[in-house]
Amino acid sequence: MPRTLSAAIQSVIAQNKSSIVHLLLFGPVNGTTYYFGEDLAQFNGHSYLPHLIVDGPIKYTQKLQRQPVTVKLQNVTLEMAAIVNAQKAAIQGAHAILYRLFLPVNDSITLFDGLITEVDVDEQTVSLTLDTDLDPTASDVPVRQYAALCAWNFKDANCGYVDGVSPNDPGTGLPYTVCGKDFASCTARARTQNFSGFIHISRDLTLLYEGQQPDAVQAAPVPAVSVQPWEQI
């Protein structure tokens, strides 16, 4: 969606001649796209029927975060109720775009581009709640951990080690019960193709990018094996 106003719209606003009308389109719903406006209007080759009601102010913002928007359609002769009740399941989840059309220049800005998430029908109006399918500011995105050790649990589906199929522990002749999580351990268990660690990450490289440890910790002797083998979970 454009993040700037066109020169024509800026000129209209500057001259205080901003006669506007809001337009809503949604669909396709079972192959049909619906067009409604606050007044009868022609825009982008489509006729918008004058059934739309926008009760409150709708802000044009450049923020990533979205707030749900509720608009209404008048049930003048109950034809909208019949349409919505017959196709309510298909309407919910349909793509919807809400425009603000500047009539003097027949140019628009997109106020909302998202989905219809709620549909309510009564004798007077059809209420549609518009919401976005993604709010980047509220999404929890998994963070990839970069480490020298493998991230998988030993013998889970990601690891892939199978007792009796994968190599046994040469010291006992039995299947391995623990894993050191390093590349050498993966090699001994013939699972290097599933190794999720980064073999080029060293302690010095980790300290360089994550910062030095406190003096007390830094002065402590570093054991030869700093990570104990992980048992099967």
Protein backbone atom coordinates (compact mmCIF):
# COMPACT_ATOMS: atom_id res chain seq x y z
CA MET A 1 0.00 0.00 0.00
CA PRO A 2 1.40 3.47 -0.90
CA ARG A 3 3.05 5.33 1.97
CA THR A 4 2.85 8.80 0.34
CA LEU A 5 0.02 11.00 -0.88
CA SER A 6 -0.10 11.83 -4.56
CA ALA A 7 0.61 15.40 -5.66
CA ALA A 8 -3.04 15.80 -6.70
CA ILE A 9 -4.33 14.79 -3.26
CA GLN A 10 -1.81 17.02 -1.49
CA SER A 11 -2.94 19.94 -3.64
CA VAL A 12 -6.61 19.32 -2.83
CA ILE A 13 -5.90 19.11 0.91
CA ALA A 14 -3.79 22.30 0.80
CA GLN A 15 -6.67 24.18 -0.87
CA ASN A 16 -9.20 22.88 1.68
CA LYS A 17 -11.26 21.39 -1.13
CA SER A 18 -11.04 17.85 0.16
CA SER A 19 -14.55 16.61 -0.60
CA ILE A 20 -14.22 12.91 0.15
CA VAL A 21 -16.17 9.66 0.15
CA HIS A 22 -15.18 6.31 1.60
CA LEU A 23 -15.33 3.20 -0.56
CA LEU A 24 -15.23 -0.46 0.42
CA LEU A 25 -14.64 -3.48 -1.76
CA PHE A 26 -14.41 -7.05 -0.60
CA GLY A 27 -14.17 -10.44 -2.22
CA PRO A 28 -14.23 -12.42 -4.28
CA VAL A 29 -16.98 -14.19 -2.34
CA ASN A 30 -18.02 -17.27 -4.29
CA GLY A 31 -16.74 -15.56 -7.42
CA THR A 32 -18.32 -12.14 -6.75
CA THR A 33 -16.60 -8.93 -5.60
CA TYR A 34 -18.80 -6.38 -3.80
CA TYR A 35 -18.42 -2.59 -4.06
CA PHE A 36 -20.01 -0.16 -1.58
CA GLY A 37 -19.59 3.57 -0.92
CA GLU A 38 -20.95 6.28 1.35
CA ASP A 39 -22.49 7.69 -1.81
CA LEU A 40 -23.02 6.43 -5.33
CA ALA A 41 -19.59 6.59 -6.97
CA GLN A 42 -17.59 5.42 -9.95
CA PHE A 43 -13.95 4.53 -9.30
CA ASN A 44 -11.42 2.40 -11.17
CA GLY A 45 -14.13 1.22 -13.54
CA HIS A 46 -16.48 -0.03 -10.81
CA SER A 47 -19.80 1.26 -9.52
CA TYR A 48 -20.00 1.58 -5.74
CA LEU A 49 -23.51 1.22 -4.28
CA PRO A 50 -24.46 3.81 -1.61
CA HIS A 51 -24.84 1.47 1.38
CA LEU A 52 -21.60 2.10 3.31
CA ILE A 53 -21.60 3.75 6.76
CA VAL A 54 -18.34 4.83 8.40
CA ASP A 55 -19.23 5.89 11.94
CA GLY A 56 -15.89 6.91 13.39
CA PRO A 57 -12.69 8.50 12.10
CA ILE A 58 -10.27 6.24 10.28
CA LYS A 59 -6.66 7.36 10.41
CA TYR A 60 -4.22 7.17 7.54
CA THR A 61 -0.96 6.08 9.20
CA GLN A 62 2.51 4.99 8.19
CA LYS A 63 2.88 2.78 11.25
CA LEU A 64 3.28 -0.95 10.76
CA GLN A 65 0.86 -1.74 13.57
CA ARG A 66 -2.77 -2.01 12.57
CA GLN A 67 -5.97 -1.47 14.52
CA PRO A 68 -9.20 -3.28 13.57
CA VAL A 69 -11.74 -1.16 11.67
CA THR A 70 -15.51 -1.64 11.82
CA VAL A 71 -17.77 -0.41 9.02
CA LYS A 72 -21.47 -0.94 8.37
CA LEU A 73 -23.70 -1.58 5.38
CA GLN A 74 -27.27 -0.32 5.40
CA ASN A 75 -30.03 -2.90 5.11
CA VAL A 76 -32.30 -0.64 3.09
CA THR A 77 -34.57 -3.39 1.82
CA LEU A 78 -32.97 -6.29 3.68
CA GLU A 79 -31.21 -7.42 0.50
CA MET A 80 -27.83 -7.11 2.23
CA ALA A 81 -29.01 -9.32 5.10
CA ALA A 82 -30.06 -11.98 2.63
CA ILE A 83 -26.71 -11.82 0.82
CA VAL A 84 -24.67 -11.90 4.01
CA ASN A 85 -26.67 -14.61 5.75
CA ALA A 86 -26.42 -16.85 2.70
CA GLN A 87 -22.65 -16.33 2.34
CA LYS A 88 -21.54 -15.42 5.86
CA ALA A 89 -18.91 -18.15 6.09
CA ALA A 90 -17.40 -17.11 2.75
CA ILE A 91 -17.46 -13.38 3.60
CA GLN A 92 -15.59 -13.96 6.85
CA GLY A 93 -11.96 -14.17 5.80
CA ALA A 94 -12.51 -12.39 2.47
CA HIS A 95 -10.01 -9.77 1.30
CA ALA A 96 -11.22 -6.19 1.91
CA ILE A 97 -9.90 -2.76 0.91
CA LEU A 98 -11.15 0.55 2.31
CA TYR A 99 -10.40 3.68 0.25
CA ARG A 100 -10.76 7.39 0.87
CA LEU A 101 -11.68 8.91 -2.49
CA PHE A 102 -10.95 12.61 -3.08
CA LEU A 103 -13.73 13.60 -5.45
CA PRO A 104 -12.20 16.79 -6.98
CA VAL A 105 -9.31 14.80 -8.45
CA ASN A 106 -10.84 11.28 -8.49
CA ASP A 107 -7.79 9.98 -6.66
CA SER A 108 -7.65 7.86 -3.54
CA ILE A 109 -5.56 6.66 -0.63
CA THR A 110 -5.83 3.18 0.81
CA LEU A 111 -6.86 3.35 4.45
CA PHE A 112 -7.02 -0.36 5.02
CA ASP A 113 -6.02 -3.51 3.18
CA GLY A 114 -6.71 -6.71 5.08
CA LEU A 115 -9.37 -9.29 5.86
CA ILE A 116 -12.95 -9.37 7.12
CA THR A 117 -12.66 -11.11 10.49
CA GLU A 118 -16.17 -10.62 11.94
CA VAL A 119 -19.64 -10.36 10.39
CA ASP A 120 -22.76 -9.30 12.33
CA VAL A 121 -26.23 -8.86 10.85
CA ASP A 122 -29.36 -7.24 12.27
CA GLU A 123 -32.48 -5.69 10.75
CA GLN A 124 -30.85 -2.32 10.14
CA THR A 125 -27.21 -2.95 9.33
CA VAL A 126 -24.50 -5.42 8.47
CA SER A 127 -21.35 -4.81 10.54
CA LEU A 128 -18.00 -5.87 9.14
CA THR A 129 -14.81 -5.87 11.20
CA LEU A 130 -11.67 -5.49 9.13
CA ASP A 131 -8.35 -6.64 10.49
CA THR A 132 -4.94 -7.47 9.14
CA ASP A 133 -3.64 -11.01 8.89
CA LEU A 134 -0.20 -9.86 10.07
CA ASP A 135 0.88 -7.26 12.61
CA PRO A 136 4.68 -7.12 12.33
CA THR A 137 4.98 -5.25 15.64
CA ALA A 138 3.07 -7.92 17.56
CA SER A 139 4.48 -11.05 15.97
CA ASP A 140 6.81 -13.38 17.81
CA VAL A 141 9.32 -14.50 15.22
CA PRO A 142 11.43 -17.54 16.14
CA VAL A 143 15.06 -16.58 16.64
CA ARG A 144 17.72 -18.85 15.11
CA GLN A 145 20.40 -19.62 17.64
CA TYR A 146 23.90 -19.66 16.23
CA ALA A 147 26.10 -22.00 18.24
CA ALA A 148 28.82 -24.56 17.73
CA LEU A 149 26.66 -27.29 19.28
CA CYS A 150 23.70 -29.11 17.74
CA ALA A 151 20.27 -27.82 18.80
CA TRP A 152 18.33 -31.08 18.41
CA ASN A 153 17.37 -33.44 21.21
CA PHE A 154 19.28 -36.70 20.90
CA LYS A 155 17.20 -39.37 19.10
CA ASP A 156 14.29 -37.04 18.26
CA ALA A 157 12.95 -36.77 14.69
CA ASN A 158 15.31 -33.90 13.86
CA CYS A 159 18.34 -35.80 15.12
CA GLY A 160 17.37 -39.05 13.43
CA TYR A 161 19.53 -41.45 15.47
CA VAL A 162 17.76 -44.84 15.67
CA ASP A 163 18.77 -47.63 18.05
CA GLY A 164 19.78 -50.75 16.16
CA VAL A 165 19.99 -48.91 12.84
CA SER A 166 22.50 -46.14 13.46
CA PRO A 167 26.08 -47.04 14.58
CA ASN A 168 26.55 -48.36 18.11
CA ASP A 169 28.92 -47.07 20.77
CA PRO A 170 32.21 -48.92 20.04
CA GLY A 171 33.04 -48.88 23.73
CA THR A 172 29.96 -50.89 24.75
CA GLY A 173 28.78 -52.39 21.49
CA LEU A 174 25.31 -51.01 22.32
CA PRO A 175 23.35 -48.03 20.94
CA TYR A 176 24.51 -44.64 22.17
CA THR A 177 22.51 -43.27 25.13
CA VAL A 178 24.01 -39.76 25.23
CA CYS A 179 25.43 -37.26 22.75
CA GLY A 180 28.05 -34.58 23.17
CA LYS A 181 26.20 -32.35 20.67
CA ASP A 182 29.39 -31.48 18.80
CA PHE A 183 30.31 -32.34 15.23
CA ALA A 184 32.63 -35.18 16.30
CA SER A 185 29.78 -36.82 18.22
CA CYS A 186 27.50 -36.45 15.19
CA THR A 187 30.17 -38.03 13.00
CA ALA A 188 30.50 -41.04 15.32
CA ARG A 189 26.72 -41.51 15.20
CA ALA A 190 26.55 -41.05 11.40
CA ARG A 191 24.16 -38.10 11.71
CA THR A 192 26.30 -35.28 10.25
CA GLN A 193 23.63 -34.56 7.63
CA ASN A 194 21.31 -33.48 10.48
CA PHE A 195 23.89 -31.52 12.48
CA SER A 196 22.39 -28.08 13.21
CA GLY A 197 25.43 -26.45 14.81
CA PHE A 198 27.98 -24.16 13.20
CA ILE A 199 31.38 -25.84 13.30
CA HIS A 200 33.27 -22.60 12.57
CA ILE A 201 31.96 -20.82 15.68
CA SER A 202 34.67 -20.83 18.33
CA ARG A 203 34.82 -19.56 21.90
CA ASP A 204 36.97 -16.59 20.81
CA LEU A 205 34.47 -15.69 18.07
CA THR A 206 31.54 -15.90 20.51
CA LEU A 207 33.29 -13.61 23.00
CA LEU A 208 34.18 -11.17 20.22
CA TYR A 209 30.55 -10.65 19.15
CA GLU A 210 28.69 -11.25 22.43
CA GLY A 211 31.10 -9.34 24.63
CA GLN A 212 33.70 -10.34 27.22
CA GLN A 213 32.57 -12.14 30.34
CA PRO A 214 32.95 -10.46 33.76
CA ASP A 215 36.49 -10.55 35.16
CA ALA A 216 35.61 -13.05 37.88
CA VAL A 217 34.23 -15.48 35.35
CA GLN A 218 36.93 -14.76 32.83
CA ALA A 219 39.62 -15.53 35.40
CA ALA A 220 38.09 -18.88 36.28
CA PRO A 221 39.82 -21.90 34.75
CA VAL A 222 38.09 -23.29 31.69
CA PRO A 223 37.54 -27.06 31.88
CA ALA A 224 38.74 -29.19 29.01
CA VAL A 225 35.13 -30.24 28.32
CA SER A 226 32.88 -27.24 28.98
CA VAL A 227 29.60 -28.92 28.03
CA GLN A 228 28.43 -32.16 29.59
CA PRO A 229 26.91 -34.81 27.30
CA TRP A 230 23.17 -34.49 26.91
CA GLU A 231 21.10 -37.47 27.83
CA GLN A 232 18.25 -38.75 25.71
CA ILE A 233 15.02 -36.82 26.33
